N, C-alpha and C. Protein backbone atom coordinates (compact mmCIF):
# COMPACT_ATOMS: atom_id res chain seq x y z
N MET A 1 0.86 -1.17 0.00
CA MET A 1 0.00 0.00 0.00
C MET A 1 0.91 1.24 0.00
N THR A 2 0.77 2.05 -1.02
CA THR A 2 1.58 3.26 -1.14
C THR A 2 0.80 4.47 -0.63
N ILE A 3 1.48 5.59 -0.54
CA ILE A 3 0.85 6.82 -0.07
C ILE A 3 -0.23 7.27 -1.07
N VAL A 4 -0.01 7.01 -2.34
CA VAL A 4 -1.01 7.37 -3.36
C VAL A 4 -2.28 6.53 -3.16
N ASP A 5 -2.10 5.25 -2.86
CA ASP A 5 -3.25 4.38 -2.60
C ASP A 5 -4.04 4.87 -1.39
N ILE A 6 -3.35 5.28 -0.36
CA ILE A 6 -4.02 5.77 0.85
C ILE A 6 -4.81 7.04 0.56
N ILE A 7 -4.20 7.96 -0.17
CA ILE A 7 -4.88 9.22 -0.50
C ILE A 7 -6.10 8.96 -1.37
N LEU A 8 -5.96 8.09 -2.37
CA LEU A 8 -7.11 7.76 -3.23
C LEU A 8 -8.20 7.04 -2.46
N ALA A 9 -7.81 6.18 -1.53
CA ALA A 9 -8.81 5.46 -0.74
C ALA A 9 -9.63 6.40 0.13
N ILE A 10 -9.02 7.49 0.56
CA ILE A 10 -9.73 8.46 1.39
C ILE A 10 -10.57 9.41 0.54
N LEU A 11 -9.99 9.93 -0.53
CA LEU A 11 -10.69 10.94 -1.33
C LEU A 11 -11.67 10.34 -2.34
N LEU A 12 -11.26 9.29 -3.03
CA LEU A 12 -12.08 8.68 -4.08
C LEU A 12 -12.03 7.16 -3.97
N PRO A 13 -12.72 6.59 -2.99
CA PRO A 13 -12.63 5.15 -2.78
C PRO A 13 -12.96 4.28 -4.00
N PRO A 14 -14.02 4.60 -4.77
CA PRO A 14 -14.29 3.74 -5.94
C PRO A 14 -13.17 3.77 -6.98
N LEU A 15 -12.54 4.92 -7.16
CA LEU A 15 -11.44 5.01 -8.11
C LEU A 15 -10.26 4.16 -7.66
N CYS A 16 -9.98 4.18 -6.39
CA CYS A 16 -8.90 3.36 -5.85
C CYS A 16 -9.18 1.88 -6.07
N VAL A 17 -10.39 1.45 -5.80
CA VAL A 17 -10.77 0.05 -6.01
C VAL A 17 -10.71 -0.30 -7.49
N PHE A 18 -11.17 0.59 -8.34
CA PHE A 18 -11.13 0.35 -9.79
C PHE A 18 -9.69 0.18 -10.28
N LEU A 19 -8.78 1.03 -9.80
CA LEU A 19 -7.40 0.93 -10.24
C LEU A 19 -6.71 -0.33 -9.74
N LYS A 20 -7.11 -0.83 -8.59
CA LYS A 20 -6.48 -2.03 -8.03
C LYS A 20 -7.14 -3.33 -8.50
N LYS A 21 -8.46 -3.35 -8.62
CA LYS A 21 -9.19 -4.59 -8.89
C LYS A 21 -9.88 -4.61 -10.25
N GLY A 22 -10.08 -3.47 -10.89
CA GLY A 22 -10.78 -3.43 -12.16
C GLY A 22 -12.27 -3.20 -11.95
N ALA A 23 -13.01 -3.27 -13.05
CA ALA A 23 -14.44 -2.98 -13.01
C ALA A 23 -15.23 -4.27 -12.77
N GLY A 24 -15.17 -4.77 -11.57
CA GLY A 24 -15.88 -5.99 -11.22
C GLY A 24 -16.80 -5.77 -10.05
N LYS A 25 -17.07 -6.84 -9.33
CA LYS A 25 -18.00 -6.76 -8.21
C LYS A 25 -17.46 -5.90 -7.08
N ASP A 26 -16.14 -5.89 -6.87
CA ASP A 26 -15.56 -5.05 -5.82
C ASP A 26 -15.79 -3.56 -6.11
N PHE A 27 -15.71 -3.19 -7.37
CA PHE A 27 -15.95 -1.80 -7.76
C PHE A 27 -17.39 -1.40 -7.51
N VAL A 28 -18.32 -2.27 -7.87
CA VAL A 28 -19.75 -1.98 -7.66
C VAL A 28 -20.06 -1.88 -6.17
N ILE A 29 -19.50 -2.79 -5.39
CA ILE A 29 -19.71 -2.74 -3.94
C ILE A 29 -19.16 -1.44 -3.37
N SER A 30 -18.00 -1.03 -3.84
CA SER A 30 -17.41 0.22 -3.36
C SER A 30 -18.27 1.43 -3.73
N LEU A 31 -18.80 1.43 -4.93
CA LEU A 31 -19.69 2.53 -5.34
C LEU A 31 -20.93 2.60 -4.45
N LEU A 32 -21.54 1.45 -4.24
CA LEU A 32 -22.75 1.43 -3.42
C LEU A 32 -22.46 1.85 -1.98
N LEU A 33 -21.39 1.34 -1.41
CA LEU A 33 -21.06 1.72 -0.04
C LEU A 33 -20.71 3.20 0.08
N THR A 34 -20.05 3.72 -0.93
CA THR A 34 -19.67 5.14 -0.90
C THR A 34 -20.91 6.03 -0.91
N PHE A 35 -21.86 5.71 -1.76
CA PHE A 35 -23.03 6.58 -1.87
C PHE A 35 -24.11 6.30 -0.84
N LEU A 36 -24.24 5.06 -0.41
CA LEU A 36 -25.30 4.72 0.54
C LEU A 36 -24.90 4.97 1.99
N LEU A 37 -23.62 4.84 2.29
CA LEU A 37 -23.18 5.03 3.68
C LEU A 37 -22.37 6.32 3.86
N PHE A 38 -22.61 7.27 2.97
CA PHE A 38 -22.03 8.61 3.10
C PHE A 38 -20.50 8.59 3.20
N TRP A 39 -19.87 7.92 2.23
CA TRP A 39 -18.43 7.94 2.02
C TRP A 39 -17.65 7.04 2.98
N ILE A 40 -18.06 6.92 4.22
CA ILE A 40 -17.30 6.15 5.20
C ILE A 40 -17.26 4.67 4.83
N GLY A 41 -18.37 4.14 4.35
CA GLY A 41 -18.41 2.74 3.94
C GLY A 41 -17.46 2.45 2.79
N GLY A 42 -17.38 3.36 1.84
CA GLY A 42 -16.47 3.20 0.71
C GLY A 42 -15.01 3.26 1.14
N ILE A 43 -14.71 4.14 2.09
CA ILE A 43 -13.34 4.25 2.59
C ILE A 43 -12.94 2.97 3.31
N ILE A 44 -13.81 2.46 4.15
CA ILE A 44 -13.51 1.22 4.87
C ILE A 44 -13.32 0.06 3.90
N HIS A 45 -14.19 -0.03 2.91
CA HIS A 45 -14.09 -1.10 1.92
C HIS A 45 -12.79 -0.98 1.12
N ALA A 46 -12.42 0.22 0.71
CA ALA A 46 -11.19 0.42 -0.06
C ALA A 46 -9.96 0.03 0.76
N PHE A 47 -9.93 0.45 2.03
CA PHE A 47 -8.80 0.07 2.87
C PHE A 47 -8.75 -1.43 3.12
N TRP A 48 -9.91 -2.04 3.27
CA TRP A 48 -9.96 -3.48 3.45
C TRP A 48 -9.40 -4.21 2.24
N LEU A 49 -9.78 -3.76 1.04
CA LEU A 49 -9.27 -4.39 -0.17
C LEU A 49 -7.77 -4.15 -0.35
N LEU A 50 -7.30 -2.96 0.01
CA LEU A 50 -5.88 -2.67 -0.12
C LEU A 50 -5.04 -3.48 0.86
N SER A 51 -5.60 -3.77 2.00
CA SER A 51 -4.83 -4.48 3.03
C SER A 51 -4.82 -6.00 2.83
N LYS A 52 -5.76 -6.52 2.02
CA LYS A 52 -5.80 -7.96 1.76
C LYS A 52 -4.58 -8.38 0.97
N LYS A 53 -4.07 -9.56 1.28
CA LYS A 53 -2.98 -10.11 0.48
C LYS A 53 -3.53 -10.61 -0.84
N GLN A 54 -2.77 -10.44 -1.90
CA GLN A 54 -3.27 -10.80 -3.22
C GLN A 54 -2.86 -12.15 -3.65
């Protein structure tokens, strides 16, 4: 996880997920969490995905 990833995960969580995982189910989940849970859900989801081992 780089500093750019951290900044993107905080400011634009769906973009961070898209750049790391592509346009799949993780991206859709991040979009929904970002808009439905007022940004905090998207941030948590993005950090969770970034911290997972690949």
